[in-house]
Amino acid sequence: MTEKPEIDFIEGPAPSELVITDIVVGDGAEATPGAQVLVHYVGVDFENGEQFDASWDRGEPIRFPLAGLIAGWQEGIPGMREGGRRQLVIPPALAYGETGAHRLAGRTLVFVIDLIAVG
């Protein structure tokens, strides 16, 4: 994937469980729980479709250990293969909580994640 994905607005009520959709199935190494990953991503608010973050806008992918991320990423990225693009719809309980100080608390989040490398 060489360009920033567009995230289509999702009709209907927000899901209460993590929803994983493979847009492109990769053929490289597989991400495992707790793995270090290099990704490009876009995140939007489920309710209004507004982007709140995107590595694409910073011009470079980001590398981090899955263990340090929100639960929706920890559960939604393992099994993905390098070269893949996956959409995650993450309810508040698996993101930043139902309530709290974080600006995204109580929000259902939609991410499109490109897995560039594992390790």
C-alpha atoms as a PDB file:
ATOM      1  CA  MET A   1       0.000   0.000   0.000  1.00  0.00           C
ATOM      2  CA  THR A   2       1.523   3.240  -1.061  1.00  0.00           C
ATOM      3  CA  GLU A   3      -1.223   5.716  -0.374  1.00  0.00           C
ATOM      4  CA  LYS A   4      -3.378   6.808   2.527  1.00  0.00           C
ATOM      5  CA  PRO A   5      -6.659   4.901   2.657  1.00  0.00           C
ATOM      6  CA  GLU A   6     -10.057   6.550   2.646  1.00  0.00           C
ATOM      7  CA  ILE A   7     -12.333   5.256   5.374  1.00  0.00           C
ATOM      8  CA  ASP A   8     -15.941   4.927   4.275  1.00  0.00           C
ATOM      9  CA  PHE A   9     -18.618   6.043   6.716  1.00  0.00           C
ATOM     10  CA  ILE A  10     -20.216   3.002   8.357  1.00  0.00           C
ATOM     11  CA  GLU A  11     -24.018   3.024   8.542  1.00  0.00           C
ATOM     12  CA  GLY A  12     -25.925   1.740  11.537  1.00  0.00           C
ATOM     13  CA  PRO A  13     -25.236   1.489  15.233  1.00  0.00           C
ATOM     14  CA  ALA A  14     -21.741   1.207  16.634  1.00  0.00           C
ATOM     15  CA  PRO A  15     -20.745  -2.387  17.397  1.00  0.00           C
ATOM     16  CA  SER A  16     -20.229  -3.485  20.991  1.00  0.00           C
ATOM     17  CA  GLU A  17     -17.499  -5.965  19.999  1.00  0.00           C
ATOM     18  CA  LEU A  18     -14.279  -5.590  18.013  1.00  0.00           C
ATOM     19  CA  VAL A  19     -14.965  -5.904  14.266  1.00  0.00           C
ATOM     20  CA  ILE A  20     -12.010  -7.012  12.109  1.00  0.00           C
ATOM     21  CA  THR A  21     -12.176  -6.733   8.305  1.00  0.00           C
ATOM     22  CA  ASP A  22      -9.273  -7.619   6.028  1.00  0.00           C
ATOM     23  CA  ILE A  23      -9.185  -5.210   3.090  1.00  0.00           C
ATOM     24  CA  VAL A  24      -5.976  -6.684   1.659  1.00  0.00           C
ATOM     25  CA  VAL A  25      -4.529  -9.968   2.912  1.00  0.00           C
ATOM     26  CA  GLY A  26      -0.754  -9.748   3.109  1.00  0.00           C
ATOM     27  CA  ASP A  27       1.649 -12.553   2.288  1.00  0.00           C
ATOM     28  CA  GLY A  28       4.587 -11.676   4.551  1.00  0.00           C
ATOM     29  CA  ALA A  29       5.434 -12.522   8.150  1.00  0.00           C
ATOM     30  CA  GLU A  30       2.510 -12.841  10.545  1.00  0.00           C
ATOM     31  CA  ALA A  31       2.044 -10.493  13.493  1.00  0.00           C
ATOM     32  CA  THR A  32       1.779 -12.330  16.796  1.00  0.00           C
ATOM     33  CA  PRO A  33       0.460 -11.105  20.164  1.00  0.00           C
ATOM     34  CA  GLY A  34       2.986  -8.750  21.729  1.00  0.00           C
ATOM     35  CA  ALA A  35       5.062  -8.465  18.533  1.00  0.00           C
ATOM     36  CA  GLN A  36       6.826  -5.281  17.490  1.00  0.00           C
ATOM     37  CA  VAL A  37       5.122  -3.881  14.388  1.00  0.00           C
ATOM     38  CA  LEU A  38       5.771  -1.168  11.813  1.00  0.00           C
ATOM     39  CA  VAL A  39       2.476   0.266  10.578  1.00  0.00           C
ATOM     40  CA  HIS A  40       0.824   3.098   8.735  1.00  0.00           C
ATOM     41  CA  TYR A  41      -2.670   3.905   9.967  1.00  0.00           C
ATOM     42  CA  VAL A  42      -5.632   6.238   9.791  1.00  0.00           C
ATOM     43  CA  GLY A  43      -8.085   6.623  12.664  1.00  0.00           C
ATOM     44  CA  VAL A  44     -11.557   8.152  12.478  1.00  0.00           C
ATOM     45  CA  ASP A  45     -14.458   8.568  14.874  1.00  0.00           C
ATOM     46  CA  PHE A  46     -17.195   6.006  14.095  1.00  0.00           C
ATOM     47  CA  GLU A  47     -19.999   8.450  14.855  1.00  0.00           C
ATOM     48  CA  ASN A  48     -18.987  11.408  12.712  1.00  0.00           C
ATOM     49  CA  GLY A  49     -16.276  10.006  10.416  1.00  0.00           C
ATOM     50  CA  GLU A  50     -13.807  12.720  11.442  1.00  0.00           C
ATOM     51  CA  GLN A  51     -10.133  11.786  11.366  1.00  0.00           C
ATOM     52  CA  PHE A  52      -8.391  12.113  14.726  1.00  0.00           C
ATOM     53  CA  ASP A  53      -4.981  10.696  13.820  1.00  0.00           C
ATOM     54  CA  ALA A  54      -3.000   9.342  10.863  1.00  0.00           C
ATOM     55  CA  SER A  55       0.630   8.303  10.559  1.00  0.00           C
ATOM     56  CA  TRP A  56       0.251   9.086   6.837  1.00  0.00           C
ATOM     57  CA  ASP A  57      -0.070  12.787   7.665  1.00  0.00           C
ATOM     58  CA  ARG A  58       3.283  12.705   9.478  1.00  0.00           C
ATOM     59  CA  GLY A  59       4.936  11.205   6.391  1.00  0.00           C
ATOM     60  CA  GLU A  60       6.312   8.057   7.988  1.00  0.00           C
ATOM     61  CA  PRO A  61       5.076   4.821   9.523  1.00  0.00           C
ATOM     62  CA  ILE A  62       5.368   4.181  13.241  1.00  0.00           C
ATOM     63  CA  ARG A  63       6.931   1.220  15.067  1.00  0.00           C
ATOM     64  CA  PHE A  64       5.740   0.007  18.440  1.00  0.00           C
ATOM     65  CA  PRO A  65       5.188  -3.111  20.529  1.00  0.00           C
ATOM     66  CA  LEU A  66       1.585  -4.317  20.445  1.00  0.00           C
ATOM     67  CA  ALA A  67       1.679  -4.811  24.209  1.00  0.00           C
ATOM     68  CA  GLY A  68       1.774  -1.029  24.676  1.00  0.00           C
ATOM     69  CA  LEU A  69      -1.303  -0.262  22.579  1.00  0.00           C
ATOM     70  CA  ILE A  70      -5.047  -0.118  23.156  1.00  0.00           C
ATOM     71  CA  ALA A  71      -6.732  -3.507  23.542  1.00  0.00           C
ATOM     72  CA  GLY A  72      -8.447  -3.231  20.151  1.00  0.00           C
ATOM     73  CA  TRP A  73      -5.039  -3.151  18.433  1.00  0.00           C
ATOM     74  CA  GLN A  74      -3.642  -5.888  20.685  1.00  0.00           C
ATOM     75  CA  GLU A  75      -6.546  -8.131  19.662  1.00  0.00           C
ATOM     76  CA  GLY A  76      -7.017  -6.910  16.104  1.00  0.00           C
ATOM     77  CA  ILE A  77      -3.500  -6.985  14.641  1.00  0.00           C
ATOM     78  CA  PRO A  78      -2.276 -10.522  15.518  1.00  0.00           C
ATOM     79  CA  GLY A  79      -2.873 -12.834  12.580  1.00  0.00           C
ATOM     80  CA  MET A  80      -2.335 -10.018  10.114  1.00  0.00           C
ATOM     81  CA  ARG A  81       0.500 -10.513   7.612  1.00  0.00           C
ATOM     82  CA  GLU A  82       3.021  -8.023   6.263  1.00  0.00           C
ATOM     83  CA  GLY A  83       1.630  -6.281   3.210  1.00  0.00           C
ATOM     84  CA  GLY A  84      -1.901  -6.481   4.581  1.00  0.00           C
ATOM     85  CA  ARG A  85      -4.438  -3.734   5.181  1.00  0.00           C
ATOM     86  CA  ARG A  86      -7.030  -4.293   7.895  1.00  0.00           C
ATOM     87  CA  GLN A  87      -9.909  -2.264   9.249  1.00  0.00           C
ATOM     88  CA  LEU A  88     -10.661  -2.387  12.976  1.00  0.00           C
ATOM     89  CA  VAL A  89     -13.866  -1.014  14.485  1.00  0.00           C
ATOM     90  CA  ILE A  90     -13.090  -0.683  18.176  1.00  0.00           C
ATOM     91  CA  PRO A  91     -15.719  -0.057  20.867  1.00  0.00           C
ATOM     92  CA  PRO A  92     -14.795   2.270  23.762  1.00  0.00           C
ATOM     93  CA  ALA A  93     -14.130  -0.606  26.177  1.00  0.00           C
ATOM     94  CA  LEU A  94     -11.275  -1.789  23.906  1.00  0.00           C
ATOM     95  CA  ALA A  95     -10.050   1.737  23.094  1.00  0.00           C
ATOM     96  CA  TYR A  96      -9.793   4.550  25.643  1.00  0.00           C
ATOM     97  CA  GLY A  97     -12.596   3.467  27.987  1.00  0.00           C
ATOM     98  CA  GLU A  98     -16.251   4.373  28.364  1.00  0.00           C
ATOM     99  CA  THR A  99     -15.352   7.464  30.394  1.00  0.00           C
ATOM    100  CA  GLY A 100     -12.192   9.269  31.341  1.00  0.00           C
ATOM    101  CA  ALA A 101      -9.940  12.185  30.618  1.00  0.00           C
ATOM    102  CA  HIS A 102      -8.733  11.015  27.189  1.00  0.00           C
ATOM    103  CA  ARG A 103     -10.367  13.025  24.399  1.00  0.00           C
ATOM    104  CA  LEU A 104     -11.443   9.768  22.704  1.00  0.00           C
ATOM    105  CA  ALA A 105     -12.964   8.183  25.839  1.00  0.00           C
ATOM    106  CA  GLY A 106     -16.472   6.954  25.139  1.00  0.00           C
ATOM    107  CA  ARG A 107     -15.909   6.917  21.371  1.00  0.00           C
ATOM    108  CA  THR A 108     -16.037   3.986  18.971  1.00  0.00           C
ATOM    109  CA  LEU A 109     -12.954   4.209  16.763  1.00  0.00           C
ATOM    110  CA  VAL A 110     -12.315   3.014  13.211  1.00  0.00           C
ATOM    111  CA  PHE A 111      -8.741   2.353  12.120  1.00  0.00           C
ATOM    112  CA  VAL A 112      -7.349   1.226   8.793  1.00  0.00           C
ATOM    113  CA  ILE A 113      -3.937  -0.263   9.454  1.00  0.00           C
ATOM    114  CA  ASP A 114      -1.267  -1.233   6.916  1.00  0.00           C
ATOM    115  CA  LEU A 115       1.180  -3.764   8.357  1.00  0.00           C
ATOM    116  CA  ILE A 116       4.561  -2.955   6.836  1.00  0.00           C
ATOM    117  CA  ALA A 117       6.834  -5.126   8.963  1.00  0.00           C
ATOM    118  CA  VAL A 118       6.856  -7.432  11.976  1.00  0.00           C
ATOM    119  CA  GLY A 119       9.818  -7.309  14.342  1.00  0.00           C
END
